[in-house]
Amino acid sequence: MPSVCVRCLRLARVLWGGSAGDGSVVSGEEDSDVEYLDVAVVGAGLAGCHVANRLAEARRGSRIGLFENDHRIGGRMHSVRLPGPSGAWADLGAMRLHTGLRRVLALVEDLGLGADLVPFEFGRPENLFHLRGSRTRQGDLAGAALPYRLRPAERGLAPGALADRVAQTLVPGFTESRRTHHEARARGDRSVADHALADFRSRCRTGRLHGRPLEEATWPEALRAVLSGDAVAFVHDAGGYDVSVGGEGATAQLDLLYRTPPDTEYVCLRRGMESLPRALHERFTQAGGATRLGHRLVRVERGDAPGEGSGRRHYRLLFRRSDTRGRLLPGHVRVCADAVVLALPPGPLGALDLTGLPMGTHLSADLAAVEAVPALKLLHLYRRPWWRDLGLTRGRSTTDAPLRQLWYGSTCQPSEGDPHPSPAPMLAAYPSGPSVGQWLRVGAGGGTAGDHAFPSAGDAPAPGAAVVARAHALLRHVHGLPSLEPPLAACWRDWSSGAWHTRRPGHDPHALARRMGQPAARERVHVVGDCWTHDPGSVEGTLDSAEAVLREHFALPVPEWYRDAGAR
């Protein structure tokens, strides 16, 4: 046995003994020198929980460990339980699915969460566009005199319709092809659906924009090439997302638009989107998996597997631990594993020390192929649902003010919920892109400790009083209510390191997914996540990436629910 493994055995405090894990969850309180696993999965978001669960269920008796830097399960799906008799939930991370995401919905059903799916109100005619100091009801858009100098063909069109016009101009026949694709999927005609999608992507590859390949253009460049300057500003302001900036590839955005069904419906989970990874994690625990919270991976390096002359490789992982307040604890946790799955976004992945692995020169370029989009969500809890006095009930209003998007009521509840919730929640601000920086500056300038003692509306951190006061003042301005009483409580989640990712121009998602699935040739180190698929920022992309790695590198059969959903 190699000397390093002798030291491992001499120092080890065995957490699982000689059998499979006991399903325990340890939250950064325990110091262990070495533990040995069959597979170490790092990252307990949806991707990590899905991979860990599938491995644990398929390989009963194996030691599958799941490690997470945070002290909660869910990653970018973060749901909070709100105070009050309604027991409502709200999402501070991912918050909706559309009905074209068949594999995700099939997973929801497989996990027994189908009864929790409820309609997600996106836009309603009575909701507002508050733009350049004017208010317009969304249902009045066609006849409204907007404060934008639009071309005749651009007037009366919502932001989504203007984006569709851009797509139709760049790829003629886009609208008809997309409808053909989704109608074929709905009736189970996979041949027609696949042919339409392949033809569309072929035309994207051969498309041109100002004489250069469309694949090399960004989406902001594509918008400016087709729309007037004020129409681009309207799409940016009224759409709620900072689409006129950033480096997202035009073909990546066109692909997203194509795969979203026309007139799609949206749904959510009434106990929050986090219930999806939580259900996967519960299955993982029941299958004997063990979870370590508060463990941040620092380094992965290659080593020899225990057993004289075994000829097998294993991997040594080094973790730093933190307590529930995020404070680093002394010492390290050392883990040996036969295989490693890194379910991490590009930022944490790029920060790892991987010098002990032959990762190849392409890794840095592949990490740079995607761009992190910052975002922030701020939830206010009011004594009563004051927005109903204005005829606003559910769904979203948008503004060019730094709030950007406002969502009335809890995002997780159906519109038929409690007609008079008390206290009443609303997503008071949902900026993304450069708008996020304004809020971080407000938060950083809080002042005294009392400024940061605003009551929390859930189990997420409470923002400083300066942030709440700024958001409340903007809400008064947007709705024309100068005497609106302040909120009772608030909570927020800062996703400025990357709420989701977009793919930059000039990168083939198939090649990216293949390389990231096994970034070091012949090594059993794998990366999963939506970032390097056709669906960056999508739950469907997350599942597709995870299932590809499980199928190709762990020889797991495709689950029936996944296969059947893909055939539709």
Protein backbone atom coordinates (compact mmCIF):
# COMPACT_ATOMS: atom_id res chain seq x y z
CA MET A 1 0.00 0.00 0.00
CA PRO A 2 1.45 3.43 -0.93
CA SER A 3 2.77 5.43 2.00
CA VAL A 4 0.19 8.19 1.60
CA CYS A 5 -2.60 5.66 2.16
CA VAL A 6 -0.84 4.27 5.25
CA ARG A 7 -0.96 7.77 6.67
CA CYS A 8 -4.61 8.02 5.70
CA LEU A 9 -5.45 4.85 7.60
CA ARG A 10 -3.41 5.90 10.58
CA LEU A 11 -5.15 9.27 10.85
CA ALA A 12 -8.66 8.33 9.77
CA ARG A 13 -11.72 8.84 11.83
CA VAL A 14 -14.13 6.72 9.82
CA LEU A 15 -17.48 8.41 9.43
CA TRP A 16 -19.27 5.54 7.73
CA GLY A 17 -17.44 2.56 9.18
CA GLY A 18 -17.15 -0.32 6.72
CA SER A 19 -20.60 0.06 5.18
CA ALA A 20 -22.64 2.53 3.20
CA GLY A 21 -23.46 5.97 4.59
CA ASP A 22 -26.13 6.40 7.21
CA GLY A 23 -27.80 9.32 5.46
CA SER A 24 -26.66 11.86 8.05
CA VAL A 25 -26.30 15.56 7.37
CA VAL A 26 -23.37 17.24 9.11
CA SER A 27 -23.25 21.04 9.16
CA GLY A 28 -19.62 22.03 9.47
CA GLU A 29 -19.15 21.00 13.09
CA GLU A 30 -17.01 17.92 12.65
CA ASP A 31 -13.27 17.53 12.00
CA SER A 32 -12.16 14.54 9.97
CA ASP A 33 -8.70 13.86 8.57
CA VAL A 34 -9.65 11.39 5.84
CA GLU A 35 -12.73 9.60 4.60
CA TYR A 36 -12.93 7.31 1.60
CA LEU A 37 -15.78 7.42 -0.95
CA ASP A 38 -16.71 5.74 -4.16
CA VAL A 39 -18.00 9.04 -5.59
CA ALA A 40 -17.73 12.56 -4.19
CA VAL A 41 -20.33 14.98 -5.54
CA VAL A 42 -19.54 18.64 -4.86
CA GLY A 43 -22.39 21.13 -4.93
CA ALA A 44 -25.89 20.48 -3.53
CA GLY A 45 -27.94 22.45 -6.01
CA LEU A 46 -30.31 20.70 -8.38
CA ALA A 47 -27.49 19.18 -10.48
CA GLY A 48 -25.57 17.83 -7.50
CA CYS A 49 -28.64 16.47 -5.73
CA HIS A 50 -29.83 14.78 -8.93
CA VAL A 51 -26.46 13.14 -9.65
CA ALA A 52 -25.97 12.07 -6.03
CA ASN A 53 -29.46 10.60 -5.81
CA ARG A 54 -29.20 8.70 -9.09
CA LEU A 55 -25.84 7.19 -8.10
CA ALA A 56 -27.00 6.30 -4.59
CA GLU A 57 -30.18 4.60 -5.86
CA ALA A 58 -28.40 2.75 -8.68
CA ARG A 59 -25.44 1.64 -6.56
CA ARG A 60 -26.87 0.65 -3.21
CA GLY A 61 -24.06 -0.09 -0.80
CA SER A 62 -21.66 2.37 -2.46
CA ARG A 63 -20.33 5.32 -0.52
CA ILE A 64 -21.69 8.43 -2.20
CA GLY A 65 -20.89 11.73 -0.50
CA LEU A 66 -22.48 15.10 -1.24
CA PHE A 67 -20.61 18.25 -0.20
CA GLU A 68 -21.96 21.80 -0.12
CA ASN A 69 -20.31 25.10 0.76
CA ASP A 70 -23.58 26.63 1.99
CA HIS A 71 -25.60 25.44 4.98
CA ARG A 72 -28.70 24.67 2.95
CA ILE A 73 -29.72 22.40 0.08
CA GLY A 74 -30.87 23.91 -3.20
CA GLY A 75 -28.17 26.11 -4.72
CA ARG A 76 -29.80 28.75 -6.92
CA MET A 77 -33.23 27.45 -5.93
CA HIS A 78 -33.84 29.24 -2.64
CA SER A 79 -37.32 29.28 -1.13
CA VAL A 80 -38.30 30.92 2.17
CA ARG A 81 -41.31 30.28 4.40
CA LEU A 82 -43.10 33.53 5.15
CA PRO A 83 -44.53 34.41 8.58
CA GLY A 84 -48.25 34.61 9.04
CA PRO A 85 -51.26 32.29 9.08
CA SER A 86 -51.19 31.61 5.31
CA GLY A 87 -47.90 29.72 5.57
CA ALA A 88 -46.96 30.99 2.11
CA TRP A 89 -43.60 30.44 0.48
CA ALA A 90 -41.62 32.80 -1.70
CA ASP A 91 -38.72 32.18 -4.06
CA LEU A 92 -35.55 34.23 -3.80
CA GLY A 93 -33.93 32.21 -6.57
CA ALA A 94 -35.36 30.36 -9.57
CA MET A 95 -39.14 30.74 -9.47
CA ARG A 96 -40.91 29.38 -12.55
CA LEU A 97 -41.08 26.68 -15.22
CA HIS A 98 -42.80 26.77 -18.57
CA THR A 99 -44.88 23.89 -19.82
CA GLY A 100 -42.47 23.13 -22.64
CA LEU A 101 -39.90 21.82 -20.13
CA ARG A 102 -41.22 18.29 -20.36
CA ARG A 103 -38.27 16.52 -18.70
CA VAL A 104 -38.35 18.82 -15.70
CA LEU A 105 -42.09 18.36 -15.31
CA ALA A 106 -41.62 14.61 -15.65
CA LEU A 107 -39.09 14.72 -12.81
CA VAL A 108 -41.56 16.74 -10.72
CA GLU A 109 -44.13 13.99 -11.23
CA ASP A 110 -41.61 11.23 -10.51
CA LEU A 111 -40.79 12.88 -7.19
CA GLY A 112 -44.46 13.02 -6.24
CA LEU A 113 -44.64 16.81 -6.48
CA GLY A 114 -47.12 17.01 -9.33
CA ALA A 115 -49.96 18.07 -7.04
CA ASP A 116 -47.86 21.05 -5.94
CA LEU A 117 -47.71 22.55 -9.44
CA VAL A 118 -49.78 25.74 -9.61
CA PRO A 119 -50.18 28.45 -12.26
CA PHE A 120 -47.54 31.15 -12.25
CA GLU A 121 -48.93 34.58 -13.07
CA PHE A 122 -46.47 36.34 -15.38
CA GLY A 123 -48.18 39.35 -16.88
CA ARG A 124 -51.76 40.57 -16.48
CA PRO A 125 -53.54 43.32 -18.44
CA GLU A 126 -53.98 45.50 -15.35
CA ASN A 127 -50.29 45.43 -14.42
CA LEU A 128 -48.02 48.38 -15.10
CA PHE A 129 -45.28 49.57 -17.37
CA HIS A 130 -43.69 52.46 -15.45
CA LEU A 131 -41.32 53.93 -18.02
CA ARG A 132 -39.66 57.33 -18.29
CA GLY A 133 -41.99 58.75 -15.68
CA SER A 134 -45.26 57.53 -17.24
CA ARG A 135 -47.60 54.69 -16.26
CA THR A 136 -49.33 52.43 -18.77
CA ARG A 137 -51.48 49.39 -18.07
CA GLN A 138 -50.06 46.45 -19.98
CA GLY A 139 -53.46 45.72 -21.51
CA ASP A 140 -53.55 49.26 -22.96
CA LEU A 141 -50.21 48.94 -24.74
CA ALA A 142 -51.62 48.82 -28.28
CA GLY A 143 -53.18 52.28 -28.04
CA ALA A 144 -50.80 53.88 -25.57
CA ALA A 145 -48.68 56.94 -26.33
CA LEU A 146 -45.41 55.62 -24.96
CA PRO A 147 -42.50 57.98 -24.25
CA TYR A 148 -40.42 56.27 -26.97
CA ARG A 149 -39.97 57.28 -30.61
CA LEU A 150 -40.93 53.98 -32.23
CA ARG A 151 -41.23 53.16 -35.89
CA PRO A 152 -44.78 52.53 -37.11
CA ALA A 153 -44.19 48.76 -37.30
CA GLU A 154 -42.85 48.75 -33.72
CA ARG A 155 -45.78 50.52 -32.06
CA GLY A 156 -48.17 48.55 -29.91
CA LEU A 157 -45.84 45.55 -29.62
CA ALA A 158 -44.84 44.13 -26.24
CA PRO A 159 -41.15 43.42 -25.56
CA GLY A 160 -41.60 39.72 -26.36
CA ALA A 161 -43.23 40.49 -29.70
CA LEU A 162 -40.36 42.83 -30.61
CA ALA A 163 -37.86 40.09 -29.77
CA ASP A 164 -39.81 37.72 -32.02
CA ARG A 165 -39.59 40.32 -34.80
CA VAL A 166 -35.81 40.35 -34.39
CA ALA A 167 -35.70 36.55 -34.58
CA GLN A 168 -37.88 36.48 -37.71
CA THR A 169 -35.64 39.07 -39.39
CA LEU A 170 -32.37 37.31 -38.55
CA VAL A 171 -33.66 33.81 -39.36
CA PRO A 172 -36.49 34.10 -41.91
CA GLY A 173 -39.22 31.58 -41.20
CA PHE A 174 -38.41 31.53 -37.48
CA THR A 175 -42.02 31.96 -36.34
CA GLU A 176 -43.47 29.20 -38.55
CA SER A 177 -40.60 26.81 -37.81
CA ARG A 178 -40.95 27.29 -34.05
CA ARG A 179 -44.68 26.62 -34.18
CA THR A 180 -44.10 23.51 -36.33
CA HIS A 181 -41.51 22.24 -33.84
CA HIS A 182 -43.72 22.65 -30.77
CA GLU A 183 -46.90 21.36 -32.39
CA ALA A 184 -44.99 18.24 -33.46
CA ARG A 185 -43.66 17.77 -29.93
CA ALA A 186 -47.15 18.15 -28.49
CA ARG A 187 -48.53 15.34 -30.69
CA GLY A 188 -45.47 13.11 -30.12
CA ASP A 189 -44.05 13.42 -33.65
CA ARG A 190 -40.39 13.51 -32.69
CA SER A 191 -39.12 13.15 -36.27
CA VAL A 192 -40.81 16.36 -37.44
CA ALA A 193 -39.88 18.23 -34.24
CA ASP A 194 -36.21 17.22 -34.47
CA HIS A 195 -36.02 18.05 -38.18
CA ALA A 196 -37.44 21.54 -37.61
CA LEU A 197 -35.00 22.22 -34.75
CA ALA A 198 -32.01 20.93 -36.75
CA ASP A 199 -32.98 23.06 -39.75
CA PHE A 200 -33.35 26.15 -37.56
CA ARG A 201 -29.92 25.63 -35.98
CA SER A 202 -28.37 25.06 -39.40
CA ARG A 203 -29.78 28.39 -40.60
CA CYS A 204 -28.40 30.07 -37.47
CA ARG A 205 -24.94 28.71 -38.30
CA THR A 206 -25.10 30.06 -41.84
CA GLY A 207 -26.83 33.34 -40.93
CA ARG A 208 -25.08 36.66 -41.31
CA LEU A 209 -25.29 39.98 -39.53
CA HIS A 210 -23.69 42.98 -41.20
CA GLY A 211 -21.56 40.66 -43.31
CA ARG A 212 -20.17 38.50 -40.51
CA PRO A 213 -21.41 35.17 -39.12
CA LEU A 214 -24.45 35.49 -36.89
CA GLU A 215 -22.75 33.08 -34.47
CA GLU A 216 -20.14 35.77 -33.75
CA ALA A 217 -22.69 38.47 -32.84
CA THR A 218 -24.08 39.30 -29.43
CA TRP A 219 -27.79 39.62 -28.73
CA PRO A 220 -27.52 43.38 -28.04
CA GLU A 221 -25.89 43.76 -31.47
CA ALA A 222 -28.73 41.79 -33.04
CA LEU A 223 -31.35 43.98 -31.34
CA ARG A 224 -29.66 47.16 -32.55
CA ALA A 225 -29.36 45.77 -36.10
CA VAL A 226 -33.12 45.23 -36.45
CA LEU A 227 -34.89 47.64 -34.11
CA SER A 228 -34.76 51.39 -33.72
CA GLY A 229 -32.74 52.75 -30.83
CA ASP A 230 -35.85 53.63 -28.85
CA ALA A 231 -37.38 50.19 -29.50
CA VAL A 232 -34.22 48.58 -28.05
CA ALA A 233 -34.56 50.86 -25.04
CA PHE A 234 -38.23 49.89 -24.68
CA VAL A 235 -37.41 46.15 -24.80
CA HIS A 236 -34.74 46.75 -22.16
CA ASP A 237 -36.89 48.94 -19.89
CA ALA A 238 -40.27 47.22 -20.18
CA GLY A 239 -38.94 43.67 -20.36
CA GLY A 240 -37.39 43.91 -16.90
CA TYR A 241 -34.00 42.46 -17.92
CA ASP A 242 -30.90 44.39 -18.98
CA VAL A 243 -30.86 42.93 -22.50
CA SER A 244 -29.20 45.90 -24.19
CA VAL A 245 -25.91 45.17 -22.40
CA GLY A 246 -23.85 42.06 -21.83
CA GLY A 247 -22.14 39.56 -24.07
CA GLU A 248 -24.80 36.89 -24.64
CA GLY A 249 -24.51 35.32 -28.09
CA ALA A 250 -27.29 36.10 -30.56
CA THR A 251 -27.68 32.45 -31.58
CA ALA A 252 -27.88 31.37 -27.92
CA GLN A 253 -30.79 33.76 -27.32
CA LEU A 254 -32.45 32.76 -30.59
CA ASP A 255 -32.18 29.11 -29.54
CA LEU A 256 -33.83 29.92 -26.21
CA LEU A 257 -36.67 31.77 -27.94
CA TYR A 258 -37.15 28.89 -30.38
CA ARG A 259 -37.38 26.24 -27.67
CA THR A 260 -39.91 28.25 -25.66
CA PRO A 261 -43.38 27.34 -26.98
CA PRO A 262 -45.45 30.18 -28.48
CA ASP A 263 -48.07 31.36 -25.98
CA THR A 264 -46.52 29.14 -23.34
CA GLU A 265 -47.97 28.81 -19.87
CA TYR A 266 -45.89 29.03 -16.70
CA VAL A 267 -46.13 27.04 -13.50
CA CYS A 268 -44.36 26.96 -10.16
CA LEU A 269 -44.29 24.82 -7.03
CA ARG A 270 -46.51 26.10 -4.25
CA ARG A 271 -43.89 25.30 -1.60
CA GLY A 272 -41.16 26.93 -3.65
CA MET A 273 -38.78 25.71 -6.32
CA GLU A 274 -36.38 24.56 -3.63
CA SER A 275 -38.78 21.69 -2.92
CA LEU A 276 -37.44 20.06 -6.11
CA PRO A 277 -33.80 19.64 -4.93
CA ARG A 278 -35.05 18.98 -1.39
CA ALA A 279 -37.10 16.01 -2.67
CA LEU A 280 -34.09 14.69 -4.58
CA HIS A 281 -31.94 15.08 -1.48
CA GLU A 282 -34.47 13.21 0.64
CA ARG A 283 -34.30 10.28 -1.79
CA PHE A 284 -30.51 10.44 -1.70
CA THR A 285 -30.58 10.26 2.10
CA GLN A 286 -33.01 7.33 2.05
CA ALA A 287 -30.69 5.50 -0.35
CA GLY A 288 -27.84 5.76 2.17
CA GLY A 289 -26.05 8.88 0.93
CA ALA A 290 -24.38 11.28 3.35
CA THR A 291 -24.25 15.06 3.07
CA ARG A 292 -21.66 17.49 4.41
CA LEU A 293 -22.80 21.11 4.63
CA GLY A 294 -20.46 24.03 5.23
CA HIS A 295 -17.70 22.32 3.21
CA ARG A 296 -15.98 24.39 0.51
CA LEU A 297 -13.80 22.49 -1.92
CA VAL A 298 -10.31 23.96 -2.22
CA ARG A 299 -8.28 21.42 -4.19
CA VAL A 300 -8.62 18.23 -6.22
CA GLU A 301 -5.58 16.16 -7.12
CA ARG A 302 -4.90 12.72 -8.46
CA GLY A 303 -3.54 9.89 -6.32
CA ASP A 304 -3.18 6.12 -6.30
CA ALA A 305 -6.04 4.01 -5.02
CA PRO A 306 -5.51 1.98 -1.82
CA GLY A 307 -4.32 -1.56 -2.32
CA GLU A 308 -0.84 -2.63 -3.33
CA GLY A 309 -0.59 -2.83 -7.12
CA SER A 310 -4.26 -2.01 -7.66
CA GLY A 311 -3.47 0.06 -10.76
CA ARG A 312 -6.51 2.21 -10.03
CA ARG A 313 -6.56 5.95 -9.58
CA HIS A 314 -8.36 7.88 -6.95
CA TYR A 315 -8.64 11.54 -6.13
CA ARG A 316 -7.79 13.53 -3.06
CA LEU A 317 -10.11 16.41 -2.19
CA LEU A 318 -9.36 19.11 0.36
CA PHE A 319 -12.21 21.08 1.96
CA ARG A 320 -12.39 24.11 4.24
CA ARG A 321 -15.26 24.16 6.73
CA SER A 322 -17.41 27.05 7.91
CA ASP A 323 -20.04 27.53 10.58
CA THR A 324 -23.60 28.65 9.92
CA ARG A 325 -22.49 32.29 10.01
CA GLY A 326 -19.95 31.70 7.27
CA ARG A 327 -16.92 31.90 9.56
CA LEU A 328 -14.08 29.56 8.64
CA LEU A 329 -13.33 26.81 11.14
CA PRO A 330 -9.79 25.63 11.81
CA GLY A 331 -8.32 22.68 9.96
CA HIS A 332 -9.29 20.91 6.77
CA VAL A 333 -11.33 17.90 5.73
CA ARG A 334 -9.55 15.41 3.48
CA VAL A 335 -11.48 13.02 1.27
CA CYS A 336 -10.39 10.23 -1.06
CA ALA A 337 -12.75 9.20 -3.86
CA ASP A 338 -12.70 6.91 -6.89
CA ALA A 339 -14.62 9.51 -8.91
CA VAL A 340 -15.55 13.17 -8.52
CA VAL A 341 -18.52 15.08 -9.90
CA LEU A 342 -18.24 18.87 -9.69
CA ALA A 343 -21.74 20.36 -9.78
CA LEU A 344 -20.40 23.90 -9.58
CA PRO A 345 -20.93 27.08 -11.61
CA PRO A 346 -17.96 28.62 -13.43
CA GLY A 347 -16.94 31.02 -10.63
CA PRO A 348 -16.32 28.45 -7.88
CA LEU A 349 -15.04 25.97 -10.47
CA GLY A 350 -12.46 28.43 -11.74
CA ALA A 351 -11.31 29.16 -8.18
CA LEU A 352 -10.34 25.52 -7.49
CA ASP A 353 -6.75 24.39 -7.31
CA LEU A 354 -6.64 21.75 -10.04
CA THR A 355 -2.88 21.71 -10.59
CA GLY A 356 -2.74 18.03 -9.66
CA LEU A 357 -4.90 17.09 -12.67
CA PRO A 358 -4.06 17.18 -16.40
CA MET A 359 -7.05 19.41 -17.17
CA GLY A 360 -5.74 20.56 -20.54
CA THR A 361 -5.43 24.03 -22.00
CA HIS A 362 -9.09 24.22 -22.97
CA LEU A 363 -10.51 24.48 -19.44
CA SER A 364 -9.94 28.22 -18.98
CA ALA A 365 -11.38 28.95 -22.41
CA ASP A 366 -14.42 26.78 -21.71
CA LEU A 367 -15.05 28.53 -18.40
CA ALA A 368 -14.82 31.86 -20.22
CA ALA A 369 -17.38 30.69 -22.81
CA VAL A 370 -20.18 31.66 -20.44
CA GLU A 371 -20.95 34.95 -18.77
CA ALA A 372 -22.38 35.24 -15.26
CA VAL A 373 -25.45 37.48 -14.98
CA PRO A 374 -25.75 39.18 -11.58
CA ALA A 375 -29.17 39.57 -9.99
CA LEU A 376 -30.77 40.41 -6.67
CA LYS A 377 -34.16 39.70 -5.14
CA LEU A 378 -35.69 41.80 -2.39
CA LEU A 379 -38.93 40.69 -0.70
CA HIS A 380 -41.10 43.04 1.37
CA LEU A 381 -43.84 41.99 3.78
CA TYR A 382 -46.63 44.56 4.15
CA ARG A 383 -49.46 44.78 6.67
CA ARG A 384 -51.99 44.45 3.84
CA PRO A 385 -51.95 43.94 0.03
CA TRP A 386 -52.15 47.67 -0.81
CA TRP A 387 -51.66 47.03 -4.54
CA ARG A 388 -55.21 45.68 -4.74
CA ASP A 389 -56.50 49.19 -4.16
CA LEU A 390 -55.02 49.98 -7.60
CA GLY A 391 -56.65 46.98 -9.27
CA LEU A 392 -53.41 44.98 -9.18
CA THR A 393 -53.76 41.39 -7.99
CA ARG A 394 -51.01 39.07 -9.22
CA GLY A 395 -48.12 38.91 -11.65
CA ARG A 396 -45.48 41.40 -12.67
CA SER A 397 -45.09 45.11 -13.31
CA THR A 398 -41.88 46.46 -14.80
CA THR A 399 -40.09 49.78 -14.56
CA ASP A 400 -36.94 51.48 -15.74
CA ALA A 401 -36.35 52.47 -12.10
CA PRO A 402 -33.74 50.33 -10.30
CA LEU A 403 -36.48 48.03 -8.95
CA ARG A 404 -36.86 46.75 -12.57
CA GLN A 405 -39.39 43.97 -11.79
CA LEU A 406 -42.14 43.90 -9.13
CA TRP A 407 -44.21 40.80 -8.37
CA TYR A 408 -47.43 41.17 -6.38
CA GLY A 409 -48.14 38.56 -3.73
CA SER A 410 -46.15 35.42 -3.08
CA THR A 411 -44.66 33.99 -6.28
CA CYS A 412 -45.40 30.46 -5.06
CA GLN A 413 -49.17 30.71 -4.52
CA PRO A 414 -52.00 30.27 -7.03
CA SER A 415 -54.12 33.28 -7.89
CA GLU A 416 -57.07 31.62 -6.09
CA GLY A 417 -55.26 31.90 -2.75
CA ASP A 418 -56.23 33.86 0.33
CA PRO A 419 -58.06 36.99 -0.95
CA HIS A 420 -56.84 39.04 2.00
CA PRO A 421 -53.42 37.73 3.04
CA SER A 422 -52.01 39.26 6.16
CA PRO A 423 -49.21 40.04 6.25
CA ALA A 424 -48.92 40.45 2.47
CA PRO A 425 -45.69 39.66 0.58
CA MET A 426 -44.40 41.13 -2.66
CA LEU A 427 -41.17 40.83 -4.57
CA ALA A 428 -40.33 44.50 -4.28
CA ALA A 429 -37.23 44.51 -6.47
CA TYR A 430 -35.73 42.09 -8.95
CA PRO A 431 -32.89 43.79 -10.82
CA SER A 432 -30.35 41.97 -12.95
CA GLY A 433 -27.26 43.06 -14.83
CA PRO A 434 -25.78 46.50 -14.11
CA SER A 435 -28.85 47.51 -12.07
CA VAL A 436 -27.67 45.24 -9.25
CA GLY A 437 -24.68 47.44 -8.49
CA GLN A 438 -26.88 50.32 -7.35
CA TRP A 439 -28.42 48.16 -4.62
CA LEU A 440 -25.10 46.80 -3.44
CA ARG A 441 -23.84 50.36 -3.06
CA VAL A 442 -26.92 51.27 -1.02
CA GLY A 443 -26.38 48.21 1.16
CA ALA A 444 -22.68 48.94 1.59
CA GLY A 445 -23.42 52.46 2.83
CA GLY A 446 -25.78 51.36 5.60
CA GLY A 447 -24.17 53.32 8.44
CA THR A 448 -24.85 52.24 12.02
CA ALA A 449 -25.58 48.74 13.23
CA GLY A 450 -29.22 49.76 13.71
CA ASP A 451 -29.51 50.30 9.97
CA HIS A 452 -28.99 46.59 9.48
CA ALA A 453 -31.49 45.38 12.06
CA PHE A 454 -34.58 45.39 9.82
CA PRO A 455 -36.79 42.36 10.68
CA SER A 456 -36.42 39.41 8.33
CA ALA A 457 -39.46 38.16 6.41
CA GLY A 458 -38.11 34.62 6.22
CA ASP A 459 -35.06 32.48 6.87
CA ALA A 460 -32.97 34.55 4.42
CA PRO A 461 -30.90 37.54 5.57
CA ALA A 462 -32.65 40.82 6.24
CA PRO A 463 -31.31 43.75 4.20
CA GLY A 464 -30.22 46.95 5.82
CA ALA A 465 -32.80 49.61 6.55
CA ALA A 466 -31.27 51.83 3.86
CA VAL A 467 -32.05 49.21 1.19
CA VAL A 468 -35.63 48.76 2.40
CA ALA A 469 -36.20 52.50 2.59
CA ARG A 470 -34.84 53.03 -0.93
CA ALA A 471 -37.00 50.26 -2.39
CA HIS A 472 -40.10 51.49 -0.56
CA ALA A 473 -39.55 55.05 -1.82
CA LEU A 474 -39.30 53.75 -5.39
CA LEU A 475 -42.47 51.66 -4.93
CA ARG A 476 -44.32 54.80 -3.78
CA HIS A 477 -43.06 56.62 -6.87
CA VAL A 478 -43.86 53.84 -9.34
CA HIS A 479 -47.43 53.42 -8.03
CA GLY A 480 -48.15 57.08 -7.24
CA LEU A 481 -48.75 56.43 -3.54
CA PRO A 482 -46.77 59.04 -1.54
CA SER A 483 -48.39 57.99 1.78
CA LEU A 484 -47.81 54.25 1.45
CA GLU A 485 -46.92 52.82 4.85
CA PRO A 486 -43.54 51.05 5.17
CA PRO A 487 -43.17 47.27 5.15
CA LEU A 488 -43.19 45.22 8.34
CA ALA A 489 -40.23 43.04 7.36
CA ALA A 490 -37.99 42.17 4.43
CA CYS A 491 -35.47 39.63 3.23
CA TRP A 492 -33.22 39.45 0.23
CA ARG A 493 -30.78 37.27 -1.66
CA ASP A 494 -27.71 38.67 -3.39
CA TRP A 495 -26.88 36.73 -6.57
CA SER A 496 -24.31 39.23 -7.81
CA SER A 497 -21.77 36.45 -8.35
CA GLY A 498 -24.11 34.94 -10.95
CA ALA A 499 -27.83 34.19 -10.78
CA TRP A 500 -27.66 32.46 -14.16
CA HIS A 501 -25.29 32.30 -17.10
CA THR A 502 -25.45 33.11 -20.78
CA ARG A 503 -23.28 31.71 -23.54
CA ARG A 504 -20.94 34.08 -25.33
CA PRO A 505 -20.72 34.08 -29.14
CA GLY A 506 -18.58 31.61 -31.08
CA HIS A 507 -18.95 28.53 -28.86
CA ASP A 508 -20.54 25.22 -29.82
CA PRO A 509 -22.66 23.99 -26.87
CA HIS A 510 -22.27 20.34 -27.96
CA ALA A 511 -18.48 20.59 -27.86
CA LEU A 512 -18.59 22.49 -24.55
CA ALA A 513 -20.83 19.89 -22.93
CA ARG A 514 -18.62 17.03 -24.12
CA ARG A 515 -15.40 18.60 -22.85
CA MET A 516 -16.83 19.72 -19.51
CA GLY A 517 -18.34 16.27 -18.96
CA GLN A 518 -14.77 14.98 -18.73
CA PRO A 519 -12.38 17.94 -18.78
CA ALA A 520 -9.29 15.77 -18.15
CA ALA A 521 -8.92 12.89 -20.59
CA ARG A 522 -9.14 9.42 -18.99
CA GLU A 523 -9.75 10.96 -15.56
CA ARG A 524 -12.84 10.25 -13.50
CA VAL A 525 -13.46 13.91 -12.75
CA HIS A 526 -16.64 15.31 -14.30
CA VAL A 527 -18.45 18.65 -14.42
CA VAL A 528 -22.24 19.00 -14.62
CA GLY A 529 -24.42 22.06 -14.95
CA ASP A 530 -26.61 24.00 -17.34
CA CYS A 531 -23.88 26.50 -18.26
CA TRP A 532 -22.36 24.47 -21.07
CA THR A 533 -25.54 23.20 -22.71
CA HIS A 534 -28.06 24.59 -25.19
CA ASP A 535 -30.01 25.67 -22.09
CA PRO A 536 -27.77 27.95 -20.00
CA GLY A 537 -29.83 29.26 -17.11
CA SER A 538 -32.39 26.46 -17.46
CA VAL A 539 -33.46 23.63 -15.18
CA GLU A 540 -33.84 21.47 -18.29
CA GLY A 541 -30.20 22.14 -19.21
CA THR A 542 -29.17 21.10 -15.72
CA LEU A 543 -30.94 17.74 -16.07
CA ASP A 544 -29.60 17.16 -19.58
CA SER A 545 -26.02 17.77 -18.45
CA ALA A 546 -26.39 15.53 -15.39
CA GLU A 547 -27.99 12.68 -17.33
CA ALA A 548 -25.32 12.85 -20.06
CA VAL A 549 -22.53 12.41 -17.50
CA LEU A 550 -24.37 9.63 -15.67
CA ARG A 551 -24.99 7.78 -18.95
CA GLU A 552 -21.60 8.26 -20.60
CA HIS A 553 -19.24 8.07 -17.63
CA PHE A 554 -21.10 6.02 -14.99
CA ALA A 555 -23.00 3.68 -17.36
CA LEU A 556 -26.34 4.39 -15.68
CA PRO A 557 -29.43 3.63 -17.76
CA VAL A 558 -31.63 6.54 -18.73
CA PRO A 559 -34.60 6.71 -16.31
CA GLU A 560 -37.97 5.95 -17.81
CA TRP A 561 -39.50 9.34 -16.97
CA TYR A 562 -36.61 11.14 -18.70
CA ARG A 563 -36.72 8.96 -21.81
CA ASP A 564 -40.49 9.19 -22.20
CA ALA A 565 -40.53 12.97 -21.76
CA GLY A 566 -37.81 13.37 -24.41
CA ALA A 567 -39.86 11.35 -26.87
CA ARG A 568 -42.77 13.79 -26.64
